[in-house]
């Protein structure tokens, strides 16, 4: 069962990546680009250039999870590349939930495309 603790760390890769990557390809990005250890229990979040596809990599202690979300319309609100050249951004679990639920992280407003039936 997939469950997260209240102290969950979420790292977002700011730069877009090739979404044809699977477990091993994203695992390599965690170490090379994000400079993090996959076994830390954190979520590692990636997107493509169009910001319509999201992949999350997570190590639960027994195996590697790969979660995906593809938007049928609209795009994810995504941080811009920092002037400092940072390759990642650390989010709170609440900010990650807002990101996946269609909330624009810049101003806290639901994106125009988002509509839940």
N, C-alpha and C. Protein backbone atom coordinates (compact mmCIF):
# COMPACT_ATOMS: atom_id res chain seq x y z
N UNK A 1 0.84 -1.19 0.00
CA UNK A 1 0.00 0.00 0.00
C UNK A 1 0.88 1.24 0.00
N UNK A 2 0.49 2.22 -0.77
CA UNK A 2 1.23 3.47 -0.87
C UNK A 2 0.71 4.44 0.19
N UNK A 3 1.58 4.82 1.11
CA UNK A 3 1.20 5.79 2.13
C UNK A 3 2.39 6.68 2.42
N UNK A 4 2.10 7.93 2.77
CA UNK A 4 3.15 8.91 3.03
C UNK A 4 3.04 9.42 4.45
N UNK A 5 4.17 9.80 5.02
CA UNK A 5 4.18 10.35 6.37
C UNK A 5 3.97 11.86 6.31
N UNK A 6 3.73 12.46 7.45
CA UNK A 6 3.54 13.90 7.52
C UNK A 6 4.81 14.68 7.23
N UNK A 7 5.96 14.01 7.34
CA UNK A 7 7.24 14.68 7.11
C UNK A 7 7.76 14.41 5.69
N UNK A 8 6.86 14.12 4.78
CA UNK A 8 7.22 13.81 3.41
C UNK A 8 7.98 14.96 2.75
N UNK A 9 9.08 14.62 2.07
CA UNK A 9 9.82 15.61 1.28
C UNK A 9 9.46 15.41 -0.18
N UNK A 10 9.28 16.50 -0.90
CA UNK A 10 8.94 16.47 -2.31
C UNK A 10 9.94 17.33 -3.06
N UNK A 11 10.65 16.73 -4.02
CA UNK A 11 11.60 17.47 -4.83
C UNK A 11 11.09 17.51 -6.27
N UNK A 12 10.98 18.71 -6.80
CA UNK A 12 10.51 18.92 -8.16
C UNK A 12 11.71 19.26 -9.04
N UNK A 13 11.88 18.51 -10.11
CA UNK A 13 12.92 18.82 -11.09
C UNK A 13 12.42 19.98 -11.93
N UNK A 14 13.07 21.10 -11.84
CA UNK A 14 12.61 22.31 -12.52
C UNK A 14 12.69 22.16 -14.04
N UNK A 15 13.78 21.58 -14.50
CA UNK A 15 13.98 21.42 -15.94
C UNK A 15 13.15 20.26 -16.48
N UNK A 16 12.54 20.47 -17.64
CA UNK A 16 11.74 19.41 -18.27
C UNK A 16 12.64 18.25 -18.67
N UNK A 17 12.06 17.05 -18.70
CA UNK A 17 12.84 15.89 -19.12
C UNK A 17 12.04 15.05 -20.11
N UNK A 18 12.71 14.12 -20.72
CA UNK A 18 12.11 13.22 -21.70
C UNK A 18 11.20 12.24 -20.97
N UNK A 19 9.91 12.31 -21.23
CA UNK A 19 8.96 11.48 -20.52
C UNK A 19 8.90 10.04 -21.03
N UNK A 20 9.75 9.71 -21.99
CA UNK A 20 9.88 8.31 -22.39
C UNK A 20 10.70 7.54 -21.36
N UNK A 21 11.34 8.27 -20.46
CA UNK A 21 12.13 7.63 -19.41
C UNK A 21 11.22 6.84 -18.48
N UNK A 22 11.71 5.70 -18.07
CA UNK A 22 11.00 4.87 -17.11
C UNK A 22 11.69 4.90 -15.75
N UNK A 23 11.54 3.82 -15.00
CA UNK A 23 12.12 3.73 -13.67
C UNK A 23 13.62 4.06 -13.67
N UNK A 24 14.38 3.35 -14.48
CA UNK A 24 15.84 3.51 -14.46
C UNK A 24 16.30 4.87 -14.97
N UNK A 25 15.65 5.38 -15.99
CA UNK A 25 16.02 6.69 -16.52
C UNK A 25 15.78 7.81 -15.53
N UNK A 26 14.64 7.77 -14.85
CA UNK A 26 14.33 8.80 -13.85
C UNK A 26 15.20 8.62 -12.61
N UNK A 27 15.50 7.37 -12.27
CA UNK A 27 16.39 7.09 -11.15
C UNK A 27 17.76 7.72 -11.39
N UNK A 28 18.24 7.64 -12.62
CA UNK A 28 19.52 8.26 -12.97
C UNK A 28 19.45 9.78 -12.80
N UNK A 29 18.32 10.38 -13.17
CA UNK A 29 18.17 11.84 -13.02
C UNK A 29 18.18 12.25 -11.55
N UNK A 30 17.59 11.43 -10.68
CA UNK A 30 17.58 11.75 -9.25
C UNK A 30 19.01 11.90 -8.74
N UNK A 31 19.88 10.98 -9.12
CA UNK A 31 21.26 11.04 -8.65
C UNK A 31 22.10 12.08 -9.36
N UNK A 32 21.99 12.14 -10.70
CA UNK A 32 22.86 13.01 -11.49
C UNK A 32 22.45 14.48 -11.45
N UNK A 33 21.19 14.75 -11.71
CA UNK A 33 20.72 16.14 -11.82
C UNK A 33 20.27 16.72 -10.48
N UNK A 34 19.50 15.93 -9.71
CA UNK A 34 18.95 16.45 -8.46
C UNK A 34 19.89 16.27 -7.28
N UNK A 35 20.90 15.40 -7.44
CA UNK A 35 21.89 15.15 -6.38
C UNK A 35 21.23 14.69 -5.08
N UNK A 36 20.27 13.79 -5.20
CA UNK A 36 19.55 13.26 -4.05
C UNK A 36 19.65 11.74 -4.04
N UNK A 37 19.36 11.14 -2.90
CA UNK A 37 19.35 9.69 -2.74
C UNK A 37 17.92 9.20 -2.83
N UNK A 38 17.65 8.30 -3.76
CA UNK A 38 16.29 7.79 -3.96
C UNK A 38 15.76 7.12 -2.70
N UNK A 39 16.65 6.55 -1.88
CA UNK A 39 16.23 5.82 -0.68
C UNK A 39 15.86 6.73 0.48
N UNK A 40 15.82 8.02 0.27
CA UNK A 40 15.51 8.97 1.34
C UNK A 40 14.02 8.98 1.70
N UNK A 41 13.19 8.36 0.88
CA UNK A 41 11.75 8.35 1.15
C UNK A 41 11.03 9.57 0.60
N UNK A 42 11.71 10.34 -0.22
CA UNK A 42 11.12 11.55 -0.81
C UNK A 42 10.42 11.20 -2.12
N UNK A 43 9.55 12.10 -2.55
CA UNK A 43 8.95 12.02 -3.88
C UNK A 43 9.81 12.86 -4.81
N UNK A 44 10.04 12.35 -6.01
CA UNK A 44 10.78 13.08 -7.02
C UNK A 44 9.86 13.27 -8.21
N UNK A 45 9.60 14.54 -8.55
CA UNK A 45 8.57 14.89 -9.52
C UNK A 45 9.22 15.46 -10.78
N UNK A 46 8.77 14.95 -11.94
CA UNK A 46 9.31 15.35 -13.24
C UNK A 46 8.16 15.69 -14.18
N UNK A 47 8.44 16.56 -15.14
CA UNK A 47 7.44 16.88 -16.17
C UNK A 47 8.14 17.01 -17.52
N UNK A 48 7.32 17.13 -18.57
CA UNK A 48 7.84 17.32 -19.93
C UNK A 48 7.77 18.81 -20.29
N UNK A 49 8.22 19.15 -21.50
CA UNK A 49 8.25 20.56 -21.93
C UNK A 49 6.86 21.18 -21.98
N UNK A 50 5.87 20.41 -22.40
CA UNK A 50 4.53 20.97 -22.53
C UNK A 50 3.79 21.08 -21.19
N UNK A 51 4.35 20.51 -20.12
CA UNK A 51 3.77 20.57 -18.77
C UNK A 51 2.39 19.89 -18.69
N UNK A 52 2.16 18.91 -19.55
CA UNK A 52 0.89 18.17 -19.52
C UNK A 52 1.02 16.79 -18.88
N UNK A 53 2.25 16.35 -18.66
CA UNK A 53 2.51 15.03 -18.11
C UNK A 53 3.41 15.16 -16.89
N UNK A 54 3.05 14.42 -15.86
CA UNK A 54 3.79 14.44 -14.60
C UNK A 54 4.16 13.01 -14.25
N UNK A 55 5.41 12.78 -13.86
CA UNK A 55 5.83 11.48 -13.36
C UNK A 55 6.47 11.68 -11.99
N UNK A 56 6.13 10.76 -11.09
CA UNK A 56 6.63 10.82 -9.72
C UNK A 56 7.34 9.51 -9.42
N UNK A 57 8.54 9.61 -8.90
CA UNK A 57 9.33 8.44 -8.52
C UNK A 57 9.40 8.40 -7.00
N UNK A 58 9.19 7.20 -6.43
CA UNK A 58 9.16 7.06 -4.97
C UNK A 58 9.67 5.69 -4.57
N UNK A 59 10.62 5.64 -3.64
CA UNK A 59 11.14 4.39 -3.08
C UNK A 59 10.46 4.18 -1.73
N UNK A 60 9.72 3.06 -1.58
CA UNK A 60 8.99 2.81 -0.33
C UNK A 60 9.73 1.87 0.62
N UNK A 61 10.96 1.50 0.30
CA UNK A 61 11.74 0.61 1.15
C UNK A 61 11.80 -0.81 0.60
N UNK A 62 10.81 -1.16 -0.22
CA UNK A 62 10.80 -2.50 -0.80
C UNK A 62 10.86 -2.47 -2.32
N UNK A 63 10.56 -1.33 -2.90
CA UNK A 63 10.56 -1.23 -4.35
C UNK A 63 10.36 0.21 -4.80
N UNK A 64 10.44 0.39 -6.09
CA UNK A 64 10.37 1.71 -6.70
C UNK A 64 9.00 1.91 -7.35
N UNK A 65 8.31 2.96 -6.96
CA UNK A 65 7.02 3.33 -7.54
C UNK A 65 7.25 4.36 -8.64
N UNK A 66 6.48 4.24 -9.71
CA UNK A 66 6.46 5.25 -10.76
C UNK A 66 5.00 5.62 -10.98
N UNK A 67 4.63 6.83 -10.61
CA UNK A 67 3.25 7.30 -10.75
C UNK A 67 3.21 8.32 -11.88
N UNK A 68 2.14 8.32 -12.66
CA UNK A 68 1.99 9.24 -13.79
C UNK A 68 0.64 9.92 -13.74
N UNK A 69 0.61 11.14 -14.21
CA UNK A 69 -0.66 11.85 -14.42
C UNK A 69 -0.54 12.63 -15.71
N UNK A 70 -1.48 12.39 -16.62
CA UNK A 70 -1.53 13.12 -17.89
C UNK A 70 -2.79 13.96 -17.90
N UNK A 71 -2.64 15.24 -18.18
CA UNK A 71 -3.79 16.12 -18.25
C UNK A 71 -4.43 16.03 -19.62
N UNK A 72 -5.75 15.98 -19.66
CA UNK A 72 -6.48 15.95 -20.92
C UNK A 72 -6.55 17.35 -21.54
N UNK A 73 -6.53 18.38 -20.68
CA UNK A 73 -6.44 19.75 -21.18
C UNK A 73 -5.74 20.59 -20.12
N UNK A 74 -5.15 21.68 -20.55
CA UNK A 74 -4.43 22.55 -19.64
C UNK A 74 -3.03 22.06 -19.35
N UNK A 75 -2.35 22.76 -18.45
CA UNK A 75 -0.98 22.42 -18.07
C UNK A 75 -0.83 22.53 -16.56
N UNK A 76 0.21 21.91 -16.05
CA UNK A 76 0.54 22.03 -14.64
C UNK A 76 1.22 23.36 -14.40
N UNK A 77 0.96 23.96 -13.25
CA UNK A 77 1.70 25.15 -12.83
C UNK A 77 3.08 24.67 -12.44
N UNK A 78 4.11 25.24 -13.04
CA UNK A 78 5.46 24.72 -12.82
C UNK A 78 6.42 25.84 -12.50
N UNK A 79 7.33 25.64 -11.55
CA UNK A 79 8.30 26.70 -11.22
C UNK A 79 9.25 26.97 -12.38
N UNK A 80 9.66 28.21 -12.49
CA UNK A 80 10.62 28.59 -13.51
C UNK A 80 12.04 28.33 -13.02
N UNK A 81 12.95 28.21 -13.94
CA UNK A 81 14.35 27.99 -13.59
C UNK A 81 14.86 29.18 -12.78
N UNK A 82 15.45 28.87 -11.68
CA UNK A 82 15.97 29.92 -10.79
C UNK A 82 17.23 30.54 -11.37
N UNK A 83 17.46 31.79 -11.04
CA UNK A 83 18.67 32.47 -11.49
C UNK A 83 19.92 31.82 -10.93
N UNK A 84 19.78 31.18 -9.78
CA UNK A 84 20.94 30.54 -9.16
C UNK A 84 21.34 29.26 -9.87
N UNK A 85 20.55 28.84 -10.85
CA UNK A 85 20.87 27.63 -11.59
C UNK A 85 20.43 26.36 -10.87
N UNK A 86 19.57 26.49 -9.88
CA UNK A 86 19.10 25.33 -9.14
C UNK A 86 18.37 24.37 -10.07
N UNK A 87 18.58 23.09 -9.86
CA UNK A 87 17.95 22.09 -10.70
C UNK A 87 16.69 21.52 -10.07
N UNK A 88 16.47 21.86 -8.79
CA UNK A 88 15.31 21.30 -8.09
C UNK A 88 14.71 22.34 -7.16
N UNK A 89 13.49 22.06 -6.76
CA UNK A 89 12.77 22.89 -5.81
C UNK A 89 12.14 21.95 -4.80
N UNK A 90 12.26 22.28 -3.53
CA UNK A 90 11.64 21.46 -2.49
C UNK A 90 10.25 22.01 -2.20
N UNK A 91 9.24 21.13 -2.24
CA UNK A 91 7.86 21.51 -1.96
C UNK A 91 7.38 20.86 -0.68
N UNK A 92 6.42 21.48 -0.04
CA UNK A 92 5.73 20.83 1.08
C UNK A 92 4.72 19.85 0.50
N UNK A 93 4.29 18.86 1.27
CA UNK A 93 3.26 17.95 0.78
C UNK A 93 1.98 18.68 0.36
N UNK A 94 1.65 19.76 1.05
CA UNK A 94 0.46 20.54 0.70
C UNK A 94 0.61 21.21 -0.65
N UNK A 95 1.78 21.76 -0.93
CA UNK A 95 2.03 22.40 -2.22
C UNK A 95 1.99 21.37 -3.34
N UNK A 96 2.51 20.16 -3.09
CA UNK A 96 2.45 19.09 -4.09
C UNK A 96 1.00 18.71 -4.37
N UNK A 97 0.18 18.63 -3.34
CA UNK A 97 -1.24 18.32 -3.53
C UNK A 97 -1.92 19.40 -4.35
N UNK A 98 -1.59 20.66 -4.10
CA UNK A 98 -2.17 21.75 -4.88
C UNK A 98 -1.73 21.67 -6.33
N UNK A 99 -0.46 21.36 -6.56
CA UNK A 99 0.07 21.22 -7.91
C UNK A 99 -0.71 20.16 -8.68
N UNK A 100 -0.92 19.00 -8.09
CA UNK A 100 -1.62 17.91 -8.78
C UNK A 100 -3.12 18.13 -8.86
N UNK A 101 -3.66 19.02 -8.02
CA UNK A 101 -5.10 19.30 -8.04
C UNK A 101 -5.47 20.51 -8.88
N UNK A 102 -4.53 21.07 -9.62
CA UNK A 102 -4.85 22.15 -10.54
C UNK A 102 -4.80 23.54 -9.96
N UNK A 103 -4.11 23.71 -8.85
CA UNK A 103 -3.99 25.04 -8.24
C UNK A 103 -2.70 25.68 -8.73
N UNK A 104 -2.78 26.92 -9.18
CA UNK A 104 -1.59 27.65 -9.61
C UNK A 104 -0.80 28.02 -8.36
N UNK A 105 0.43 27.54 -8.26
CA UNK A 105 1.23 27.77 -7.06
C UNK A 105 1.69 29.21 -6.91
N UNK A 106 1.62 30.00 -7.97
CA UNK A 106 2.06 31.40 -7.90
C UNK A 106 1.06 32.28 -7.17
N UNK A 107 -0.23 32.06 -7.44
CA UNK A 107 -1.23 32.93 -6.82
C UNK A 107 -2.35 32.19 -6.09
N UNK A 108 -2.27 30.86 -6.01
CA UNK A 108 -3.24 30.08 -5.24
C UNK A 108 -4.62 29.98 -5.86
N UNK A 109 -4.74 30.23 -7.15
CA UNK A 109 -6.03 30.20 -7.84
C UNK A 109 -6.12 28.94 -8.69
N UNK A 110 -7.29 28.34 -8.72
CA UNK A 110 -7.48 27.17 -9.56
C UNK A 110 -7.29 27.53 -11.02
N UNK A 111 -6.54 26.71 -11.74
CA UNK A 111 -6.27 26.95 -13.16
C UNK A 111 -7.58 26.90 -13.93
N UNK A 112 -7.67 27.68 -14.99
CA UNK A 112 -8.91 27.81 -15.77
C UNK A 112 -9.35 26.49 -16.37
N UNK A 113 -8.43 25.62 -16.73
CA UNK A 113 -8.78 24.34 -17.36
C UNK A 113 -9.37 23.35 -16.40
N UNK A 114 -9.14 23.53 -15.08
CA UNK A 114 -9.48 22.51 -14.12
C UNK A 114 -10.97 22.48 -13.79
N UNK A 115 -11.54 21.32 -13.93
CA UNK A 115 -12.95 21.17 -13.57
C UNK A 115 -13.18 19.72 -13.16
N UNK A 116 -13.62 19.51 -11.95
CA UNK A 116 -13.91 18.16 -11.45
C UNK A 116 -15.41 17.95 -11.48
N UNK A 117 -15.84 16.83 -12.03
CA UNK A 117 -17.28 16.54 -12.12
C UNK A 117 -17.82 15.99 -10.81
